C-alpha atoms as a PDB file:
ATOM      1  CA  MET A   1     -20.840  -9.990  -8.964  1.00  0.00           C
ATOM      2  CA  THR A   2     -20.371  -8.174  -5.678  1.00  0.00           C
ATOM      3  CA  ALA A   3     -20.008  -4.416  -5.980  1.00  0.00           C
ATOM      4  CA  LEU A   4     -17.773  -2.270  -3.821  1.00  0.00           C
ATOM      5  CA  THR A   5     -20.139   0.230  -2.215  1.00  0.00           C
ATOM      6  CA  LEU A   6     -19.320   3.782  -1.229  1.00  0.00           C
ATOM      7  CA  ASP A   7     -20.015   2.842   2.386  1.00  0.00           C
ATOM      8  CA  THR A   8     -17.448   0.027   2.239  1.00  0.00           C
ATOM      9  CA  ALA A   9     -14.911   2.264   0.495  1.00  0.00           C
ATOM     10  CA  ARG A  10     -15.323   4.825   3.291  1.00  0.00           C
ATOM     11  CA  LYS A  11     -14.749   2.104   5.895  1.00  0.00           C
ATOM     12  CA  ILE A  12     -11.509   1.155   4.134  1.00  0.00           C
ATOM     13  CA  LEU A  13     -10.463   4.808   4.007  1.00  0.00           C
ATOM     14  CA  ASP A  14     -11.280   5.486   7.669  1.00  0.00           C
ATOM     15  CA  ALA A  15      -9.552   2.346   8.933  1.00  0.00           C
ATOM     16  CA  ALA A  16      -6.448   3.007   6.821  1.00  0.00           C
ATOM     17  CA  LEU A  17      -6.184   6.529   8.227  1.00  0.00           C
ATOM     18  CA  ALA A  18      -6.767   5.224  11.755  1.00  0.00           C
ATOM     19  CA  LYS A  19      -3.867   2.792  11.288  1.00  0.00           C
ATOM     20  CA  SER A  20      -1.721   5.663  10.039  1.00  0.00           C
ATOM     21  CA  ALA A  21      -2.542   7.681  13.168  1.00  0.00           C
ATOM     22  CA  GLU A  22      -1.783   4.669  15.381  1.00  0.00           C
ATOM     23  CA  LEU A  23       1.635   4.274  13.737  1.00  0.00           C
ATOM     24  CA  LYS A  24       2.259   8.061  13.694  1.00  0.00           C
ATOM     25  CA  LEU A  25       3.020   8.062   9.980  1.00  0.00           C
ATOM     26  CA  LYS A  26       3.519  10.982   7.616  1.00  0.00           C
ATOM     27  CA  PRO A  27       0.350  12.404   5.995  1.00  0.00           C
ATOM     28  CA  LEU A  28      -1.250   9.983   3.547  1.00  0.00           C
ATOM     29  CA  VAL A  29      -3.483  10.006   0.517  1.00  0.00           C
ATOM     30  CA  VAL A  30      -5.854   7.039   0.237  1.00  0.00           C
ATOM     31  CA  THR A  31      -7.661   6.137  -2.996  1.00  0.00           C
ATOM     32  CA  VAL A  32     -10.174   3.305  -3.335  1.00  0.00           C
ATOM     33  CA  LEU A  33     -11.152   2.107  -6.827  1.00  0.00           C
ATOM     34  CA  ASP A  34     -13.876  -0.305  -7.880  1.00  0.00           C
ATOM     35  CA  THR A  35     -13.199  -3.104 -10.370  1.00  0.00           C
ATOM     36  CA  ARG A  36     -13.821  -0.744 -13.300  1.00  0.00           C
ATOM     37  CA  GLY A  37     -11.020   1.487 -12.028  1.00  0.00           C
ATOM     38  CA  CYS A  38     -13.457   4.227 -11.052  1.00  0.00           C
ATOM     39  CA  VAL A  39     -12.703   6.221  -7.910  1.00  0.00           C
ATOM     40  CA  LYS A  40     -15.061   5.390  -5.058  1.00  0.00           C
ATOM     41  CA  VAL A  41     -13.283   7.662  -2.585  1.00  0.00           C
ATOM     42  CA  THR A  42     -10.053   9.626  -2.250  1.00  0.00           C
ATOM     43  CA  ALA A  43      -8.852  11.616   0.719  1.00  0.00           C
ATOM     44  CA  ALA A  44      -5.648  13.507   1.424  1.00  0.00           C
ATOM     45  CA  GLN A  45      -4.565  14.231   4.964  1.00  0.00           C
ATOM     46  CA  ASP A  46      -3.378  17.736   5.720  1.00  0.00           C
ATOM     47  CA  GLY A  47       0.250  18.216   4.767  1.00  0.00           C
ATOM     48  CA  THR A  48       0.573  15.705   1.942  1.00  0.00           C
ATOM     49  CA  SER A  49       2.907  16.626  -0.877  1.00  0.00           C
ATOM     50  CA  LEU A  50       1.803  17.595  -4.365  1.00  0.00           C
ATOM     51  CA  LEU A  51       1.753  14.296  -6.298  1.00  0.00           C
ATOM     52  CA  ARG A  52       0.645  11.928  -3.534  1.00  0.00           C
ATOM     53  CA  ALA A  53      -2.896  11.579  -4.935  1.00  0.00           C
ATOM     54  CA  GLU A  54      -1.542  10.548  -8.331  1.00  0.00           C
ATOM     55  CA  VAL A  55       0.844   8.055  -6.726  1.00  0.00           C
ATOM     56  CA  ALA A  56      -1.909   6.533  -4.565  1.00  0.00           C
ATOM     57  CA  HIS A  57      -4.158   6.222  -7.621  1.00  0.00           C
ATOM     58  CA  GLY A  58      -1.302   4.682  -9.645  1.00  0.00           C
ATOM     59  CA  LYS A  59      -0.669   2.035  -7.006  1.00  0.00           C
ATOM     60  CA  ALA A  60      -4.350   1.000  -6.940  1.00  0.00           C
ATOM     61  CA  TYR A  61      -4.731   1.287 -10.720  1.00  0.00           C
ATOM     62  CA  GLY A  62      -1.616  -0.793 -11.369  1.00  0.00           C
ATOM     63  CA  ALA A  63      -2.854  -3.517  -9.032  1.00  0.00           C
ATOM     64  CA  LEU A  64      -6.191  -3.654 -10.864  1.00  0.00           C
ATOM     65  CA  ALA A  65      -4.682  -3.407 -14.327  1.00  0.00           C
ATOM     66  CA  MET A  66      -2.274  -6.272 -13.752  1.00  0.00           C
ATOM     67  CA  GLY A  67      -4.419  -8.358 -11.389  1.00  0.00           C
ATOM     68  CA  MET A  68      -1.836  -8.409  -8.621  1.00  0.00           C
ATOM     69  CA  GLY A  69      -0.946  -6.268  -5.645  1.00  0.00           C
ATOM     70  CA  SER A  70       1.695  -3.648  -6.265  1.00  0.00           C
ATOM     71  CA  ARG A  71       4.239  -5.524  -4.116  1.00  0.00           C
ATOM     72  CA  ALA A  72       4.145  -8.264  -6.764  1.00  0.00           C
ATOM     73  CA  LEU A  73       4.493  -5.584  -9.459  1.00  0.00           C
ATOM     74  CA  PHE A  74       7.522  -4.225  -7.603  1.00  0.00           C
ATOM     75  CA  LYS A  75       9.132  -7.673  -7.570  1.00  0.00           C
ATOM     76  CA  ARG A  76       8.297  -8.190 -11.225  1.00  0.00           C
ATOM     77  CA  ALA A  77       9.771  -4.795 -12.119  1.00  0.00           C
ATOM     78  CA  ALA A  78      13.049  -5.892 -10.520  1.00  0.00           C
ATOM     79  CA  GLU A  79      13.011  -9.167 -12.463  1.00  0.00           C
ATOM     80  CA  GLN A  80      11.441  -7.989 -15.735  1.00  0.00           C
ATOM     81  CA  ALA A  81      12.011  -4.244 -15.957  1.00  0.00           C
ATOM     82  CA  PHE A  82      11.386  -4.123 -19.713  1.00  0.00           C
ATOM     83  CA  PHE A  83       7.998  -5.819 -19.326  1.00  0.00           C
ATOM     84  CA  ILE A  84       6.766  -3.475 -16.581  1.00  0.00           C
ATOM     85  CA  ASP A  85       8.110  -0.493 -18.544  1.00  0.00           C
ATOM     86  CA  ALA A  86       6.241  -1.660 -21.651  1.00  0.00           C
ATOM     87  CA  VAL A  87       3.004  -2.184 -19.731  1.00  0.00           C
ATOM     88  CA  ASN A  88       3.371   1.215 -18.082  1.00  0.00           C
ATOM     89  CA  THR A  89       3.897   2.755 -21.519  1.00  0.00           C
ATOM     90  CA  LEU A  90       0.662   1.128 -22.702  1.00  0.00           C
ATOM     91  CA  ALA A  91      -1.050   2.490 -19.580  1.00  0.00           C
ATOM     92  CA  LYS A  92       0.292   5.981 -20.368  1.00  0.00           C
ATOM     93  CA  GLY A  93       2.392   5.987 -17.190  1.00  0.00           C
ATOM     94  CA  ALA A  94      -0.551   5.272 -14.878  1.00  0.00           C
ATOM     95  CA  LEU A  95       1.051   2.309 -13.032  1.00  0.00           C
ATOM     96  CA  VAL A  96       3.128   2.867  -9.912  1.00  0.00           C
ATOM     97  CA  PRO A  97       4.786  -0.514  -9.269  1.00  0.00           C
ATOM     98  CA  VAL A  98       5.776  -0.160  -5.613  1.00  0.00           C
ATOM     99  CA  PRO A  99       4.097  -1.522  -2.450  1.00  0.00           C
ATOM    100  CA  GLY A 100       0.988   0.289  -1.261  1.00  0.00           C
ATOM    101  CA  GLY A 101      -1.496  -0.900  -3.914  1.00  0.00           C
ATOM    102  CA  VAL A 102      -3.662  -3.714  -2.594  1.00  0.00           C
ATOM    103  CA  LEU A 103      -6.413  -5.667  -4.331  1.00  0.00           C
ATOM    104  CA  ILE A 104      -9.697  -5.920  -2.425  1.00  0.00           C
ATOM    105  CA  ARG A 105     -11.357  -9.345  -2.461  1.00  0.00           C
ATOM    106  CA  THR A 106     -14.410 -10.873  -0.845  1.00  0.00           C
ATOM    107  CA  ALA A 107     -14.031 -13.783   1.568  1.00  0.00           C
ATOM    108  CA  GLY A 108     -14.621 -16.051  -1.428  1.00  0.00           C
ATOM    109  CA  GLY A 109     -11.825 -14.408  -3.412  1.00  0.00           C
ATOM    110  CA  GLU A 110     -13.942 -12.304  -5.798  1.00  0.00           C
ATOM    111  CA  LEU A 111     -12.176  -9.105  -6.867  1.00  0.00           C
ATOM    112  CA  VAL A 112     -14.163  -5.986  -5.916  1.00  0.00           C
ATOM    113  CA  GLY A 113     -11.561  -3.218  -6.228  1.00  0.00           C
ATOM    114  CA  ALA A 114      -8.220  -1.908  -5.056  1.00  0.00           C
ATOM    115  CA  VAL A 115      -6.845   0.601  -2.594  1.00  0.00           C
ATOM    116  CA  GLY A 116      -3.711   2.652  -3.105  1.00  0.00           C
ATOM    117  CA  ILE A 117      -1.930   4.669  -0.448  1.00  0.00           C
ATOM    118  CA  SER A 118       0.985   7.077  -0.658  1.00  0.00           C
ATOM    119  CA  GLY A 119       2.702   9.373   1.803  1.00  0.00           C
ATOM    120  CA  ASP A 120       5.001   7.369   4.049  1.00  0.00           C
ATOM    121  CA  THR A 121       7.330   4.510   3.131  1.00  0.00           C
ATOM    122  CA  SER A 122       5.850   2.060   0.654  1.00  0.00           C
ATOM    123  CA  ASP A 123       5.848  -0.654   3.323  1.00  0.00           C
ATOM    124  CA  ASN A 124       3.922   1.567   5.749  1.00  0.00           C
ATOM    125  CA  ASP A 125       1.514   2.594   2.988  1.00  0.00           C
ATOM    126  CA  GLU A 126       0.835  -1.100   2.380  1.00  0.00           C
ATOM    127  CA  ILE A 127       0.322  -1.810   6.094  1.00  0.00           C
ATOM    128  CA  CYS A 128      -2.388   0.878   6.191  1.00  0.00           C
ATOM    129  CA  ALA A 129      -4.025  -0.413   2.999  1.00  0.00           C
ATOM    130  CA  ILE A 130      -4.206  -3.944   4.380  1.00  0.00           C
ATOM    131  CA  ALA A 131      -5.589  -2.681   7.699  1.00  0.00           C
ATOM    132  CA  GLY A 132      -8.287  -0.740   5.866  1.00  0.00           C
ATOM    133  CA  VAL A 133      -9.388  -3.673   3.734  1.00  0.00           C
ATOM    134  CA  GLU A 134      -9.439  -6.093   6.650  1.00  0.00           C
ATOM    135  CA  ALA A 135     -11.358  -3.643   8.870  1.00  0.00           C
ATOM    136  CA  ALA A 136     -14.082  -3.617   6.204  1.00  0.00           C
ATOM    137  CA  GLY A 137     -14.375  -7.403   6.491  1.00  0.00           C
ATOM    138  CA  LEU A 138     -12.679  -8.082   3.170  1.00  0.00           C
ATOM    139  CA  LYS A 139      -9.469  -9.830   2.093  1.00  0.00           C
ATOM    140  CA  ALA A 140      -6.372  -7.830   1.150  1.00  0.00           C
ATOM    141  CA  ASP A 141      -4.166  -9.111  -1.658  1.00  0.00           C
ATOM    142  CA  ALA A 142      -0.911  -7.136  -1.535  1.00  0.00           C
ATOM    143  CA  GLY A 143       0.941  -9.425  -3.908  1.00  0.00           C
END
């Protein structure tokens, strides 16, 4: 099993924030989790609002917990609201089923973690997450 290293998590973080700066987005929080759901790195840009770290974590955690990017969770919530609500109840409210939570995979498809971003629109958060993962030489699975 390939482990997500702190060095790789930092590369994802730095590249995601660089993409945010390129796009001139609102301040972001970026959280990278390993496959166990443990935080490898979290950073909040100056000016983020109060719950952005929890939202970023919830996007990444939800992706890991359900085995799909949070865009897929968002679609599923629209189609099966009771199911996503039940799962979120089991997870004690830890899932945030909106775009911006992206699974991190190796070139061979092995799951190594997830990144969650919050601060701008969900679509822009996802764009930055994908950019971060790809800049680290890994495959992004947004759902």
